[in-house]
Amino acid sequence: MNRNIIDGLRDTQGVLGKAAIRSILPYGDAFLFVDSVSELTESNVVAQYNIPESSELINAHFKHVSMMPGVLMGEALAQAGIVLLHYRSEFEEETDVIASTVNQMRFKSPALPGDTLEAHVSIKAINRLGARLTGKSYVNGREVLSATFDLTFIKRKNLIEHISQHVTR
């Protein structure tokens, strides 16, 4: 997907809604942690995720208290970064963007069911193999997570081939 296609998915306010996000990110609804993108430039993205009041993942995290698992808050940050990289990069063929390194992830405060998690991600460096990004997530202006992470570009056919070599059924 390229910038022109993504720009064509924006609504009249310039927002990418859930349907647009579904067409950019290769995930099913159960693993989609971006509901909308309110800002998207060549170097920055601001994305939102409305944490459901109840979900199998949240309900299974702690039996005695409901909160979004920190690793899923990190996943939401990475998914926002993937949207940014699809907007920024011109891929010659179907390409997936996968996490390769996570550095300095810091969980600062919980995100609770009913909260809106807002991810702010910027590109620090980019080349033909991938990118280093930095980001912070907020709930009501309160920082809940910060991280620096690397995402790698991989042709979809190569990813499928690589995974199939590791299947031992």
N, C-alpha and C. Protein backbone atom coordinates (compact mmCIF):
# COMPACT_ATOMS: atom_id res chain seq x y z
N MET A 1 0.86 -1.17 0.00
CA MET A 1 0.00 0.00 0.00
C MET A 1 0.90 1.23 0.00
N ASN A 2 0.49 2.27 -0.71
CA ASN A 2 1.32 3.46 -0.77
C ASN A 2 0.57 4.68 -0.24
N ARG A 3 1.28 5.78 -0.16
CA ARG A 3 0.76 7.02 0.41
C ARG A 3 -0.53 7.47 -0.27
N ASN A 4 -0.59 7.42 -1.60
CA ASN A 4 -1.78 7.90 -2.31
C ASN A 4 -3.01 7.06 -1.97
N ILE A 5 -2.84 5.76 -1.88
CA ILE A 5 -3.96 4.89 -1.50
C ILE A 5 -4.40 5.19 -0.08
N ILE A 6 -3.44 5.31 0.84
CA ILE A 6 -3.78 5.60 2.24
C ILE A 6 -4.46 6.95 2.36
N ASP A 7 -3.96 7.97 1.66
CA ASP A 7 -4.62 9.28 1.70
C ASP A 7 -6.05 9.19 1.21
N GLY A 8 -6.30 8.32 0.22
CA GLY A 8 -7.65 8.13 -0.30
C GLY A 8 -8.60 7.46 0.69
N LEU A 9 -8.06 6.83 1.73
CA LEU A 9 -8.87 6.17 2.75
C LEU A 9 -9.30 7.11 3.87
N ARG A 10 -8.73 8.31 3.90
CA ARG A 10 -9.06 9.26 4.97
C ARG A 10 -10.50 9.76 4.81
N ASP A 11 -11.14 10.06 5.96
CA ASP A 11 -12.47 10.64 5.91
C ASP A 11 -12.36 12.15 5.67
N THR A 12 -13.47 12.86 5.71
CA THR A 12 -13.45 14.29 5.41
C THR A 12 -12.65 15.11 6.42
N GLN A 13 -12.42 14.58 7.62
CA GLN A 13 -11.59 15.26 8.62
C GLN A 13 -10.13 14.81 8.55
N GLY A 14 -9.81 13.94 7.60
CA GLY A 14 -8.44 13.46 7.46
C GLY A 14 -8.10 12.27 8.34
N VAL A 15 -9.10 11.69 8.99
CA VAL A 15 -8.89 10.57 9.91
C VAL A 15 -8.99 9.25 9.15
N LEU A 16 -8.14 8.32 9.53
CA LEU A 16 -8.26 6.94 9.04
C LEU A 16 -9.09 6.18 10.06
N GLY A 17 -10.23 5.68 9.66
CA GLY A 17 -11.09 4.92 10.56
C GLY A 17 -10.76 3.44 10.56
N LYS A 18 -11.57 2.68 11.28
CA LYS A 18 -11.32 1.25 11.47
C LYS A 18 -11.24 0.49 10.15
N ALA A 19 -12.12 0.77 9.21
CA ALA A 19 -12.09 0.06 7.93
C ALA A 19 -10.79 0.35 7.19
N ALA A 20 -10.33 1.58 7.23
CA ALA A 20 -9.06 1.94 6.59
C ALA A 20 -7.90 1.21 7.27
N ILE A 21 -7.92 1.16 8.58
CA ILE A 21 -6.86 0.49 9.34
C ILE A 21 -6.83 -1.00 8.97
N ARG A 22 -8.01 -1.61 8.85
CA ARG A 22 -8.09 -3.03 8.46
C ARG A 22 -7.44 -3.28 7.09
N SER A 23 -7.54 -2.31 6.20
CA SER A 23 -6.96 -2.50 4.87
C SER A 23 -5.45 -2.27 4.85
N ILE A 24 -4.92 -1.59 5.87
CA ILE A 24 -3.48 -1.33 5.95
C ILE A 24 -2.76 -2.42 6.74
N LEU A 25 -3.30 -2.76 7.90
CA LEU A 25 -2.65 -3.74 8.78
C LEU A 25 -3.16 -5.15 8.48
N PRO A 26 -2.27 -6.13 8.42
CA PRO A 26 -2.67 -7.49 8.03
C PRO A 26 -3.14 -8.37 9.20
N TYR A 27 -3.92 -7.79 10.10
CA TYR A 27 -4.34 -8.52 11.30
C TYR A 27 -5.85 -8.70 11.33
N GLY A 28 -6.28 -9.75 12.01
CA GLY A 28 -7.70 -9.93 12.26
C GLY A 28 -8.13 -9.02 13.40
N ASP A 29 -9.43 -8.82 13.54
CA ASP A 29 -9.96 -7.90 14.55
C ASP A 29 -9.49 -8.21 15.96
N ALA A 30 -9.34 -9.49 16.31
CA ALA A 30 -8.93 -9.85 17.66
C ALA A 30 -7.53 -9.37 18.00
N PHE A 31 -6.71 -9.09 16.97
CA PHE A 31 -5.34 -8.64 17.22
C PHE A 31 -5.07 -7.28 16.60
N LEU A 32 -6.12 -6.49 16.43
CA LEU A 32 -5.98 -5.14 15.88
C LEU A 32 -6.08 -4.15 17.04
N PHE A 33 -4.98 -3.44 17.31
CA PHE A 33 -4.92 -2.52 18.44
C PHE A 33 -4.79 -1.07 18.00
N VAL A 34 -5.31 -0.77 16.82
CA VAL A 34 -5.45 0.59 16.33
C VAL A 34 -6.88 0.69 15.79
N ASP A 35 -7.65 1.64 16.34
CA ASP A 35 -9.01 1.87 15.86
C ASP A 35 -9.08 3.01 14.87
N SER A 36 -8.19 4.00 15.04
CA SER A 36 -8.20 5.15 14.15
C SER A 36 -6.83 5.82 14.18
N VAL A 37 -6.58 6.61 13.15
CA VAL A 37 -5.36 7.41 13.06
C VAL A 37 -5.80 8.85 12.81
N SER A 38 -5.49 9.73 13.75
CA SER A 38 -5.92 11.12 13.64
C SER A 38 -4.87 12.01 12.97
N GLU A 39 -3.61 11.60 13.02
CA GLU A 39 -2.54 12.36 12.37
C GLU A 39 -1.59 11.39 11.69
N LEU A 40 -1.18 11.72 10.46
CA LEU A 40 -0.25 10.86 9.73
C LEU A 40 0.52 11.72 8.74
N THR A 41 1.84 11.79 8.96
CA THR A 41 2.75 12.49 8.06
C THR A 41 3.85 11.52 7.66
N GLU A 42 4.83 11.98 6.92
CA GLU A 42 5.94 11.10 6.52
C GLU A 42 6.80 10.67 7.70
N SER A 43 6.73 11.37 8.82
CA SER A 43 7.61 11.05 9.94
C SER A 43 6.90 10.79 11.26
N ASN A 44 5.60 11.04 11.34
CA ASN A 44 4.88 10.89 12.62
C ASN A 44 3.48 10.32 12.40
N VAL A 45 3.00 9.64 13.45
CA VAL A 45 1.63 9.14 13.45
C VAL A 45 1.07 9.29 14.86
N VAL A 46 -0.22 9.58 14.94
CA VAL A 46 -0.96 9.55 16.20
C VAL A 46 -2.16 8.64 15.97
N ALA A 47 -2.21 7.55 16.74
CA ALA A 47 -3.26 6.54 16.57
C ALA A 47 -3.98 6.32 17.88
N GLN A 48 -5.24 5.90 17.78
CA GLN A 48 -6.05 5.66 18.96
C GLN A 48 -6.53 4.22 19.00
N TYR A 49 -6.64 3.69 20.22
CA TYR A 49 -7.24 2.38 20.45
C TYR A 49 -8.15 2.50 21.66
N ASN A 50 -9.43 2.19 21.44
CA ASN A 50 -10.41 2.21 22.53
C ASN A 50 -10.38 0.86 23.21
N ILE A 51 -9.86 0.84 24.43
CA ILE A 51 -9.72 -0.41 25.16
C ILE A 51 -11.12 -0.90 25.55
N PRO A 52 -11.49 -2.11 25.11
CA PRO A 52 -12.84 -2.59 25.38
C PRO A 52 -13.08 -2.82 26.87
N GLU A 53 -14.33 -2.66 27.26
CA GLU A 53 -14.71 -2.90 28.66
C GLU A 53 -14.45 -4.35 29.04
N SER A 54 -14.59 -5.22 28.06
CA SER A 54 -14.38 -6.64 28.30
C SER A 54 -13.86 -7.27 27.02
N SER A 55 -12.84 -8.09 27.16
CA SER A 55 -12.35 -8.88 26.03
C SER A 55 -11.65 -10.10 26.62
N GLU A 56 -11.52 -11.13 25.82
CA GLU A 56 -10.89 -12.35 26.31
C GLU A 56 -9.46 -12.08 26.78
N LEU A 57 -8.72 -11.23 26.05
CA LEU A 57 -7.33 -10.94 26.43
C LEU A 57 -7.24 -10.16 27.74
N ILE A 58 -8.10 -9.16 27.88
CA ILE A 58 -8.07 -8.36 29.11
C ILE A 58 -8.57 -9.18 30.29
N ASN A 59 -9.64 -9.92 30.11
CA ASN A 59 -10.20 -10.72 31.20
C ASN A 59 -9.25 -11.82 31.66
N ALA A 60 -8.40 -12.31 30.78
CA ALA A 60 -7.47 -13.39 31.14
C ALA A 60 -6.16 -12.89 31.72
N HIS A 61 -5.90 -11.59 31.63
CA HIS A 61 -4.60 -11.05 32.05
C HIS A 61 -4.39 -11.19 33.56
N PHE A 62 -5.21 -10.57 34.35
CA PHE A 62 -5.23 -10.75 35.80
C PHE A 62 -6.65 -11.09 36.19
N LYS A 63 -6.83 -12.09 37.03
CA LYS A 63 -8.19 -12.46 37.43
C LYS A 63 -8.77 -11.46 38.42
N HIS A 64 -7.92 -10.73 39.13
CA HIS A 64 -8.39 -9.86 40.21
C HIS A 64 -8.47 -8.38 39.83
N VAL A 65 -8.00 -7.99 38.64
CA VAL A 65 -8.09 -6.60 38.22
C VAL A 65 -8.04 -6.55 36.69
N SER A 66 -8.86 -5.70 36.10
CA SER A 66 -8.87 -5.57 34.64
C SER A 66 -7.97 -4.42 34.21
N MET A 67 -7.03 -4.73 33.34
CA MET A 67 -6.18 -3.70 32.73
C MET A 67 -5.61 -4.27 31.44
N MET A 68 -5.22 -3.38 30.55
CA MET A 68 -4.65 -3.83 29.28
C MET A 68 -3.25 -4.36 29.54
N PRO A 69 -2.93 -5.56 29.08
CA PRO A 69 -1.57 -6.08 29.26
C PRO A 69 -0.53 -5.15 28.64
N GLY A 70 0.57 -4.94 29.35
CA GLY A 70 1.62 -4.05 28.88
C GLY A 70 2.16 -4.45 27.52
N VAL A 71 2.30 -5.74 27.27
CA VAL A 71 2.81 -6.19 25.99
C VAL A 71 1.85 -5.81 24.86
N LEU A 72 0.56 -5.76 25.14
CA LEU A 72 -0.41 -5.33 24.12
C LEU A 72 -0.39 -3.82 23.94
N MET A 73 -0.07 -3.08 25.00
CA MET A 73 0.14 -1.64 24.83
C MET A 73 1.33 -1.40 23.90
N GLY A 74 2.38 -2.22 24.06
CA GLY A 74 3.54 -2.15 23.16
C GLY A 74 3.16 -2.53 21.75
N GLU A 75 2.31 -3.53 21.60
CA GLU A 75 1.83 -3.95 20.28
C GLU A 75 1.04 -2.82 19.61
N ALA A 76 0.23 -2.11 20.37
CA ALA A 76 -0.53 -0.98 19.82
C ALA A 76 0.43 0.10 19.30
N LEU A 77 1.50 0.35 20.05
CA LEU A 77 2.51 1.33 19.62
C LEU A 77 3.17 0.86 18.33
N ALA A 78 3.52 -0.43 18.26
CA ALA A 78 4.16 -0.98 17.06
C ALA A 78 3.20 -0.94 15.86
N GLN A 79 1.92 -1.26 16.07
CA GLN A 79 0.97 -1.22 14.97
C GLN A 79 0.81 0.20 14.44
N ALA A 80 0.83 1.19 15.30
CA ALA A 80 0.80 2.59 14.83
C ALA A 80 2.03 2.86 13.98
N GLY A 81 3.18 2.36 14.42
CA GLY A 81 4.41 2.51 13.65
C GLY A 81 4.34 1.83 12.29
N ILE A 82 3.68 0.69 12.22
CA ILE A 82 3.53 -0.02 10.95
C ILE A 82 2.68 0.79 9.98
N VAL A 83 1.62 1.41 10.48
CA VAL A 83 0.82 2.29 9.62
C VAL A 83 1.71 3.41 9.07
N LEU A 84 2.52 4.01 9.93
CA LEU A 84 3.43 5.08 9.52
C LEU A 84 4.39 4.59 8.44
N LEU A 85 4.96 3.42 8.61
CA LEU A 85 5.93 2.92 7.63
C LEU A 85 5.27 2.57 6.29
N HIS A 86 4.04 2.09 6.32
CA HIS A 86 3.34 1.84 5.06
C HIS A 86 3.05 3.16 4.35
N TYR A 87 2.80 4.21 5.11
CA TYR A 87 2.57 5.53 4.52
C TYR A 87 3.86 6.10 3.95
N ARG A 88 4.94 5.90 4.64
CA ARG A 88 6.24 6.48 4.28
C ARG A 88 6.95 5.72 3.15
N SER A 89 6.80 4.43 3.10
CA SER A 89 7.60 3.59 2.21
C SER A 89 6.82 3.17 0.97
N GLU A 90 7.54 3.04 -0.11
CA GLU A 90 6.98 2.53 -1.37
C GLU A 90 7.51 1.11 -1.56
N PHE A 91 6.69 0.12 -1.27
CA PHE A 91 7.11 -1.26 -1.42
C PHE A 91 6.78 -1.75 -2.83
N GLU A 92 7.73 -2.44 -3.45
CA GLU A 92 7.54 -2.93 -4.82
C GLU A 92 6.56 -4.09 -4.89
N GLU A 93 6.46 -4.88 -3.84
CA GLU A 93 5.51 -5.98 -3.81
C GLU A 93 4.95 -6.09 -2.39
N GLU A 94 3.97 -6.99 -2.19
CA GLU A 94 3.36 -7.11 -0.86
C GLU A 94 4.43 -7.33 0.19
N THR A 95 4.48 -6.43 1.15
CA THR A 95 5.51 -6.45 2.18
C THR A 95 4.86 -6.33 3.55
N ASP A 96 5.32 -7.15 4.48
CA ASP A 96 4.89 -7.04 5.86
C ASP A 96 5.97 -6.33 6.65
N VAL A 97 5.57 -5.73 7.73
CA VAL A 97 6.50 -5.03 8.61
C VAL A 97 6.41 -5.75 9.95
N ILE A 98 7.55 -6.29 10.40
CA ILE A 98 7.55 -7.08 11.63
C ILE A 98 8.54 -6.51 12.64
N ALA A 99 8.25 -6.73 13.90
CA ALA A 99 9.15 -6.28 14.97
C ALA A 99 10.42 -7.10 14.95
N SER A 100 11.55 -6.42 15.13
CA SER A 100 12.82 -7.14 15.21
C SER A 100 13.55 -6.85 16.51
N THR A 101 13.38 -5.67 17.07
CA THR A 101 14.04 -5.32 18.33
C THR A 101 13.16 -4.35 19.11
N VAL A 102 13.10 -4.55 20.41
CA VAL A 102 12.44 -3.59 21.28
C VAL A 102 13.46 -3.16 22.33
N ASN A 103 13.69 -1.86 22.42
CA ASN A 103 14.65 -1.31 23.39
C ASN A 103 13.93 -0.36 24.34
N GLN A 104 14.39 -0.30 25.53
CA GLN A 104 13.97 0.73 26.48
C GLN A 104 12.46 0.87 26.61
N MET A 105 11.73 -0.25 26.60
CA MET A 105 10.29 -0.16 26.82
C MET A 105 10.05 0.06 28.30
N ARG A 106 9.31 1.10 28.59
CA ARG A 106 9.02 1.44 29.99
C ARG A 106 7.52 1.59 30.17
N PHE A 107 7.00 0.81 31.10
CA PHE A 107 5.58 0.90 31.45
C PHE A 107 5.48 1.83 32.64
N LYS A 108 4.70 2.88 32.50
CA LYS A 108 4.67 3.92 33.53
C LYS A 108 3.36 3.97 34.31
N SER A 109 2.29 3.49 33.70
CA SER A 109 0.99 3.60 34.33
C SER A 109 0.04 2.64 33.61
N PRO A 110 -0.96 2.12 34.30
CA PRO A 110 -1.87 1.18 33.62
C PRO A 110 -2.82 1.88 32.66
N ALA A 111 -3.30 1.13 31.69
CA ALA A 111 -4.37 1.54 30.79
C ALA A 111 -5.53 0.59 31.07
N LEU A 112 -6.69 1.15 31.33
CA LEU A 112 -7.82 0.38 31.82
C LEU A 112 -8.92 0.23 30.80
N PRO A 113 -9.76 -0.80 30.95
CA PRO A 113 -10.91 -0.93 30.07
C PRO A 113 -11.74 0.36 30.08
N GLY A 114 -12.15 0.78 28.90
CA GLY A 114 -12.89 2.04 28.75
C GLY A 114 -12.00 3.22 28.41
N ASP A 115 -10.68 3.09 28.66
CA ASP A 115 -9.74 4.16 28.30
C ASP A 115 -9.49 4.17 26.80
N THR A 116 -9.06 5.31 26.30
CA THR A 116 -8.55 5.40 24.93
C THR A 116 -7.05 5.55 25.01
N LEU A 117 -6.35 4.60 24.45
CA LEU A 117 -4.90 4.62 24.39
C LEU A 117 -4.51 5.39 23.14
N GLU A 118 -3.67 6.41 23.30
CA GLU A 118 -3.24 7.22 22.16
C GLU A 118 -1.74 7.03 21.96
N ALA A 119 -1.37 6.50 20.81
CA ALA A 119 0.03 6.20 20.49
C ALA A 119 0.60 7.29 19.59
N HIS A 120 1.76 7.83 19.99
CA HIS A 120 2.49 8.82 19.20
C HIS A 120 3.81 8.18 18.81
N VAL A 121 4.04 8.02 17.51
CA VAL A 121 5.24 7.33 17.03
C VAL A 121 5.93 8.20 15.99
N SER A 122 7.28 8.24 16.07
CA SER A 122 8.11 8.99 15.12
C SER A 122 9.22 8.09 14.59
N ILE A 123 9.63 8.35 13.37
CA ILE A 123 10.75 7.63 12.77
C ILE A 123 12.05 8.30 13.21
N LYS A 124 12.96 7.49 13.75
CA LYS A 124 14.30 7.99 14.09
C LYS A 124 15.26 7.77 12.95
N ALA A 125 15.15 6.60 12.29
CA ALA A 125 16.02 6.26 11.15
C ALA A 125 15.28 5.26 10.28
N ILE A 126 15.55 5.31 8.98
CA ILE A 126 14.90 4.38 8.05
C ILE A 126 15.86 4.10 6.91
N ASN A 127 15.83 2.84 6.44
CA ASN A 127 16.58 2.46 5.25
C ASN A 127 15.77 1.39 4.51
N ARG A 128 16.36 0.75 3.51
CA ARG A 128 15.62 -0.20 2.69
C ARG A 128 15.26 -1.49 3.44
N LEU A 129 15.90 -1.74 4.59
CA LEU A 129 15.66 -2.97 5.36
C LEU A 129 14.63 -2.80 6.47
N GLY A 130 14.48 -1.57 6.96
CA GLY A 130 13.56 -1.35 8.05
C GLY A 130 13.73 0.02 8.66
N ALA A 131 13.26 0.16 9.89
CA ALA A 131 13.28 1.48 10.53
C ALA A 131 13.41 1.34 12.04
N ARG A 132 13.98 2.36 12.64
CA ARG A 132 13.99 2.52 14.10
C ARG A 132 12.98 3.61 14.42
N LEU A 133 12.10 3.30 15.36
CA LEU A 133 11.05 4.24 15.75
C LEU A 133 11.10 4.49 17.24
N THR A 134 10.54 5.59 17.63
CA THR A 134 10.39 5.90 19.04
C THR A 134 8.95 6.32 19.27
N GLY A 135 8.42 5.96 20.41
CA GLY A 135 7.03 6.30 20.64
C GLY A 135 6.66 6.37 22.11
N LYS A 136 5.55 7.01 22.33
CA LYS A 136 4.95 7.10 23.66
C LYS A 136 3.45 6.91 23.51
N SER A 137 2.86 6.28 24.51
CA SER A 137 1.41 6.13 24.54
C SER A 137 0.87 6.84 25.77
N TYR A 138 -0.34 7.39 25.58
CA TYR A 138 -0.97 8.21 26.62
C TYR A 138 -2.41 7.77 26.83
N VAL A 139 -2.91 7.99 28.03
CA VAL A 139 -4.32 7.90 28.37
C VAL A 139 -4.68 9.21 29.05
N ASN A 140 -5.60 9.95 28.45
CA ASN A 140 -6.01 11.26 29.00
C ASN A 140 -4.81 12.17 29.29
N GLY A 141 -3.83 12.18 28.40
CA GLY A 141 -2.65 13.03 28.56
C GLY A 141 -1.59 12.49 29.50
N ARG A 142 -1.86 11.37 30.16
CA ARG A 142 -0.92 10.75 31.09
C ARG A 142 -0.12 9.69 30.34
N GLU A 143 1.21 9.81 30.37
CA GLU A 143 2.05 8.84 29.69
C GLU A 143 1.96 7.49 30.38
N VAL A 144 1.71 6.44 29.58
CA VAL A 144 1.60 5.10 30.13
C VAL A 144 2.70 4.17 29.64
N LEU A 145 3.36 4.53 28.54
CA LEU A 145 4.36 3.66 27.93
C LEU A 145 5.28 4.48 27.04
N SER A 146 6.55 4.13 27.05
CA SER A 146 7.49 4.70 26.07
C SER A 146 8.41 3.58 25.59
N ALA A 147 8.87 3.70 24.35
CA ALA A 147 9.74 2.65 23.79
C ALA A 147 10.46 3.15 22.56
N THR A 148 11.59 2.51 22.31
CA THR A 148 12.29 2.61 21.03
C THR A 148 12.29 1.21 20.47
N PHE A 149 11.97 1.07 19.19
CA PHE A 149 11.87 -0.27 18.62
C PHE A 149 12.23 -0.24 17.14
N ASP A 150 12.64 -1.41 16.66
CA ASP A 150 12.99 -1.57 15.25
C ASP A 150 11.95 -2.45 14.58
N LEU A 151 11.56 -2.04 13.38
CA LEU A 151 10.66 -2.82 12.55
C LEU A 151 11.39 -3.15 11.25
N THR A 152 11.23 -4.37 10.81
CA THR A 152 11.92 -4.86 9.62
C THR A 152 10.92 -5.09 8.50
N PHE A 153 11.34 -4.77 7.27
CA PHE A 153 10.52 -5.01 6.09
C PHE A 153 10.82 -6.42 5.57
N ILE A 154 9.77 -7.18 5.28
CA ILE A 154 9.96 -8.52 4.73
C ILE A 154 8.88 -8.77 3.69
N LYS A 155 9.30 -9.25 2.53
CA LYS A 155 8.34 -9.57 1.48
C LYS A 155 7.42 -10.67 2.00
N ARG A 156 6.13 -10.50 1.77
CA ARG A 156 5.14 -11.44 2.31
C ARG A 156 5.44 -12.88 1.89
N LYS A 157 5.80 -13.10 0.64
CA LYS A 157 6.08 -14.47 0.19
C LYS A 157 7.26 -15.05 0.96
N ASN A 158 8.25 -14.24 1.30
CA ASN A 158 9.41 -14.72 2.08
C ASN A 158 9.01 -15.04 3.52
N LEU A 159 8.15 -14.23 4.09
CA LEU A 159 7.67 -14.48 5.45
C LEU A 159 6.91 -15.80 5.50
N ILE A 160 6.02 -16.01 4.54
CA ILE A 160 5.24 -17.24 4.51
C ILE A 160 6.16 -18.45 4.33
N GLU A 161 7.12 -18.34 3.45
CA GLU A 161 8.08 -19.42 3.22
C GLU A 161 8.89 -19.71 4.48
N HIS A 162 9.36 -18.67 5.14
CA HIS A 162 10.16 -18.83 6.35
C HIS A 162 9.36 -19.52 7.45
N ILE A 163 8.13 -19.08 7.66
CA ILE A 163 7.29 -19.69 8.70
C ILE A 163 6.98 -21.13 8.36
N SER A 164 6.71 -21.42 7.09
CA SER A 164 6.35 -22.80 6.72
C SER A 164 7.51 -23.76 6.96
N GLN A 165 8.73 -23.28 6.92
CA GLN A 165 9.89 -24.13 7.19
C GLN A 165 9.99 -24.52 8.67
N HIS A 166 9.31 -23.78 9.53
CA HIS A 166 9.38 -24.03 10.96
C HIS A 166 8.17 -24.74 11.53
N VAL A 167 7.22 -25.05 10.67
CA VAL A 167 6.03 -25.76 11.12
C VAL A 167 6.39 -27.23 11.26
N THR A 168 6.15 -27.77 12.48
CA THR A 168 6.46 -29.18 12.76
C THR A 168 5.21 -29.86 13.27
N ARG A 169 4.32 -30.19 12.38
CA ARG A 169 3.06 -30.84 12.79
C ARG A 169 3.07 -32.28 12.45
